[in-house]
Amino acid sequence: MCDNRRLIFLSLMLLLSNCISQKPAEEKNQGRTYFEDLAYIRSEEVKLKDNSEKHDTSSYKDVNDISKELDSVISIIKIGNENIMFIDGFTIQLYLGGDRTMAEETEEKINEIDSIIYRRTIFTQPNYRVKVGNFYNRFLVNKEFKRFKEKFPNAIIIPERVKVN
């Protein structure tokens, strides 16, 4: 009987201790010491010098208007882009070898296929390279590559710096 009383007493104490009201949770920001006023960042509307009492929105000016700064940044980017002479592009290499006559024959075959396309023969000792076209994206070079691959089975697409006109 004594054991049952102790068990009942302990369970009641446990139940009562859980039912006691607790202190309300304090806000997390009350105890902090750091504070920063961000009012200067927020957009403020300042009324222009106009004595009329009309609430016309055209008479207000946004203090944080960045259009002038944005225009100046855009003009700086434009000037920087004018100095760019080359971009990453592609070309098709049709011949690579040490035989000059084969390089010249390749040039003649290119002329038969397309006489307008830009081509060049480059000699880097001991090899001749015959390249065709200056392409800015991969889709255009693939279209031309399929056309030249029929006549030149060793043709390959090469990433290369392409001069901007």
Protein backbone atom coordinates (compact mmCIF):
# COMPACT_ATOMS: atom_id res chain seq x y z
CA MET A 1 0.00 0.00 0.00
CA CYS A 2 2.86 2.29 0.81
CA ASP A 3 4.38 1.72 -2.60
CA ASN A 4 1.12 2.61 -4.32
CA ARG A 5 0.91 5.87 -2.35
CA ARG A 6 4.40 6.83 -3.38
CA LEU A 7 3.65 6.01 -7.01
CA ILE A 8 0.44 8.07 -6.95
CA PHE A 9 2.19 10.93 -5.19
CA LEU A 10 5.04 11.02 -7.73
CA SER A 11 2.66 10.89 -10.68
CA LEU A 12 0.58 13.76 -9.23
CA MET A 13 3.71 15.85 -8.66
CA LEU A 14 4.82 15.19 -12.18
CA LEU A 15 1.40 16.13 -13.53
CA LEU A 16 1.29 19.34 -11.49
CA SER A 17 4.79 20.35 -12.45
CA ASN A 18 3.85 20.09 -16.11
CA CYS A 19 0.71 22.17 -15.61
CA ILE A 20 2.45 25.14 -14.01
CA SER A 21 2.31 28.18 -16.29
CA GLN A 22 5.64 29.15 -17.68
CA LYS A 23 7.02 32.57 -18.43
CA PRO A 24 6.15 33.93 -21.85
CA ALA A 25 8.94 33.58 -24.35
CA GLU A 26 10.90 36.78 -24.72
CA GLU A 27 11.49 38.25 -28.14
CA LYS A 28 14.87 37.39 -29.53
CA ASN A 29 15.68 40.95 -30.56
CA GLN A 30 15.14 42.56 -27.13
CA GLY A 31 18.49 41.52 -25.75
CA ARG A 32 20.59 42.47 -28.77
CA THR A 33 22.93 45.40 -28.66
CA TYR A 34 23.41 45.91 -32.42
CA PHE A 35 21.01 48.24 -34.21
CA GLU A 36 21.21 49.75 -37.67
CA ASP A 37 18.94 52.43 -39.04
CA LEU A 38 18.12 51.62 -42.66
CA ALA A 39 15.79 54.56 -43.24
CA TYR A 40 18.24 56.20 -45.64
CA ILE A 41 17.97 53.20 -47.99
CA ARG A 42 14.19 53.22 -48.22
CA SER A 43 12.59 55.16 -51.06
CA GLU A 44 11.44 58.58 -49.95
CA GLU A 45 9.24 60.89 -51.91
CA VAL A 46 10.07 64.55 -51.60
CA LYS A 47 7.65 67.14 -52.80
CA LEU A 48 9.09 69.53 -55.36
CA LYS A 49 8.87 73.25 -54.80
CA ASP A 50 5.22 73.70 -55.65
CA ASN A 51 2.80 75.48 -53.39
CA SER A 52 -0.30 73.92 -54.89
CA GLU A 53 -2.21 71.51 -52.66
CA LYS A 54 -3.00 69.08 -55.46
CA HIS A 55 -1.84 65.54 -54.94
CA ASP A 56 -0.32 65.14 -58.36
CA THR A 57 2.17 62.28 -58.57
CA SER A 58 4.15 64.07 -61.27
CA SER A 59 5.20 66.69 -58.71
CA TYR A 60 7.04 64.11 -56.61
CA LYS A 61 10.61 63.06 -57.21
CA ASP A 62 12.12 59.78 -56.07
CA VAL A 63 15.23 60.50 -53.99
CA ASN A 64 16.80 57.11 -54.77
CA ASP A 65 16.44 57.40 -58.54
CA ILE A 66 19.42 55.58 -60.06
CA SER A 67 18.75 56.23 -63.74
CA LYS A 68 21.70 58.65 -64.10
CA GLU A 69 24.12 56.23 -62.46
CA LEU A 70 22.74 53.35 -64.51
CA ASP A 71 23.14 55.32 -67.74
CA SER A 72 26.75 56.06 -66.90
CA VAL A 73 27.48 52.39 -66.16
CA ILE A 74 25.85 51.34 -69.44
CA SER A 75 27.94 53.87 -71.38
CA ILE A 76 31.11 52.52 -69.73
CA ILE A 77 30.15 48.98 -70.78
CA LYS A 78 29.46 50.20 -74.33
CA ILE A 79 32.89 51.81 -74.58
CA GLY A 80 34.49 48.62 -73.28
CA ASN A 81 32.65 46.52 -75.86
CA GLU A 82 33.80 48.74 -78.72
CA ASN A 83 37.38 47.68 -77.96
CA ILE A 84 36.61 43.96 -78.32
CA MET A 85 38.17 42.74 -81.55
CA PHE A 86 37.77 38.96 -81.17
CA ILE A 87 35.20 36.57 -79.73
CA ASP A 88 35.14 32.82 -79.19
CA GLY A 89 33.84 31.06 -82.30
CA PHE A 90 34.42 28.10 -84.59
CA THR A 91 36.03 27.21 -87.90
CA ILE A 92 36.13 24.04 -90.00
CA GLN A 93 39.53 22.49 -90.71
CA LEU A 94 39.42 20.54 -93.98
CA TYR A 95 43.06 19.60 -94.45
CA LEU A 96 46.06 19.11 -92.18
CA GLY A 97 49.28 17.78 -93.63
CA GLY A 98 52.75 18.51 -94.93
CA ASP A 99 51.96 18.37 -98.68
CA ARG A 100 51.54 21.76 -100.32
CA THR A 101 49.95 20.36 -103.49
CA MET A 102 47.26 18.61 -101.44
CA ALA A 103 46.54 21.88 -99.67
CA GLU A 104 46.15 23.63 -103.03
CA GLU A 105 43.89 20.84 -104.33
CA THR A 106 41.77 21.23 -101.21
CA GLU A 107 41.45 24.94 -101.98
CA GLU A 108 40.22 24.07 -105.50
CA LYS A 109 37.63 21.61 -104.15
CA ILE A 110 36.40 24.28 -101.73
CA ASN A 111 36.03 26.67 -104.65
CA GLU A 112 33.86 24.08 -106.45
CA ILE A 113 31.60 23.62 -103.42
CA ASP A 114 31.31 27.27 -102.37
CA SER A 115 33.28 30.06 -104.02
CA ILE A 116 32.07 32.77 -101.60
CA ILE A 117 32.96 31.20 -98.24
CA TYR A 118 35.93 32.63 -96.34
CA ARG A 119 38.94 30.27 -96.47
CA ARG A 120 42.57 30.42 -95.57
CA THR A 121 45.65 28.25 -95.80
CA ILE A 122 48.01 28.48 -92.84
CA PHE A 123 51.53 27.11 -92.87
CA THR A 124 52.92 26.27 -89.45
CA GLN A 125 56.08 24.35 -90.03
CA PRO A 126 55.92 21.47 -91.10
CA ASN A 127 52.12 21.40 -91.70
CA TYR A 128 49.62 23.12 -93.94
CA ARG A 129 46.15 23.77 -92.55
CA VAL A 130 43.22 24.66 -94.77
CA LYS A 131 40.38 26.23 -92.79
CA VAL A 132 36.97 27.44 -93.87
CA GLY A 133 34.63 30.02 -92.35
CA ASN A 134 34.30 32.13 -89.23
CA PHE A 135 31.26 31.05 -87.23
CA TYR A 136 29.94 32.63 -84.06
CA ASN A 137 27.81 29.75 -82.80
CA ARG A 138 27.80 25.97 -82.92
CA PHE A 139 24.54 25.62 -84.88
CA LEU A 140 25.78 27.53 -87.93
CA VAL A 141 29.06 25.64 -88.03
CA ASN A 142 27.27 22.28 -87.86
CA LYS A 143 25.17 23.19 -90.90
CA GLU A 144 28.25 23.99 -92.99
CA PHE A 145 30.20 21.06 -91.52
CA LYS A 146 27.65 18.56 -92.85
CA ARG A 147 28.00 20.06 -96.33
CA PHE A 148 31.82 19.84 -96.34
CA LYS A 149 32.02 16.45 -94.60
CA GLU A 150 30.79 14.71 -97.78
CA LYS A 151 33.82 15.82 -99.82
CA PHE A 152 36.34 15.97 -96.95
CA PRO A 153 35.97 12.98 -94.60
CA ASN A 154 38.78 14.25 -92.31
CA ALA A 155 37.07 17.60 -91.68
CA ILE A 156 36.75 18.69 -88.05
CA ILE A 157 35.24 21.63 -86.18
CA ILE A 158 37.81 23.68 -84.27
CA PRO A 159 37.07 26.28 -81.58
CA GLU A 160 38.91 29.46 -82.50
CA ARG A 161 39.03 33.19 -81.83
CA VAL A 162 37.00 34.92 -84.55
CA LYS A 163 37.54 38.53 -85.53
CA VAL A 164 34.47 40.75 -85.11
CA ASN A 165 33.67 42.92 -88.13
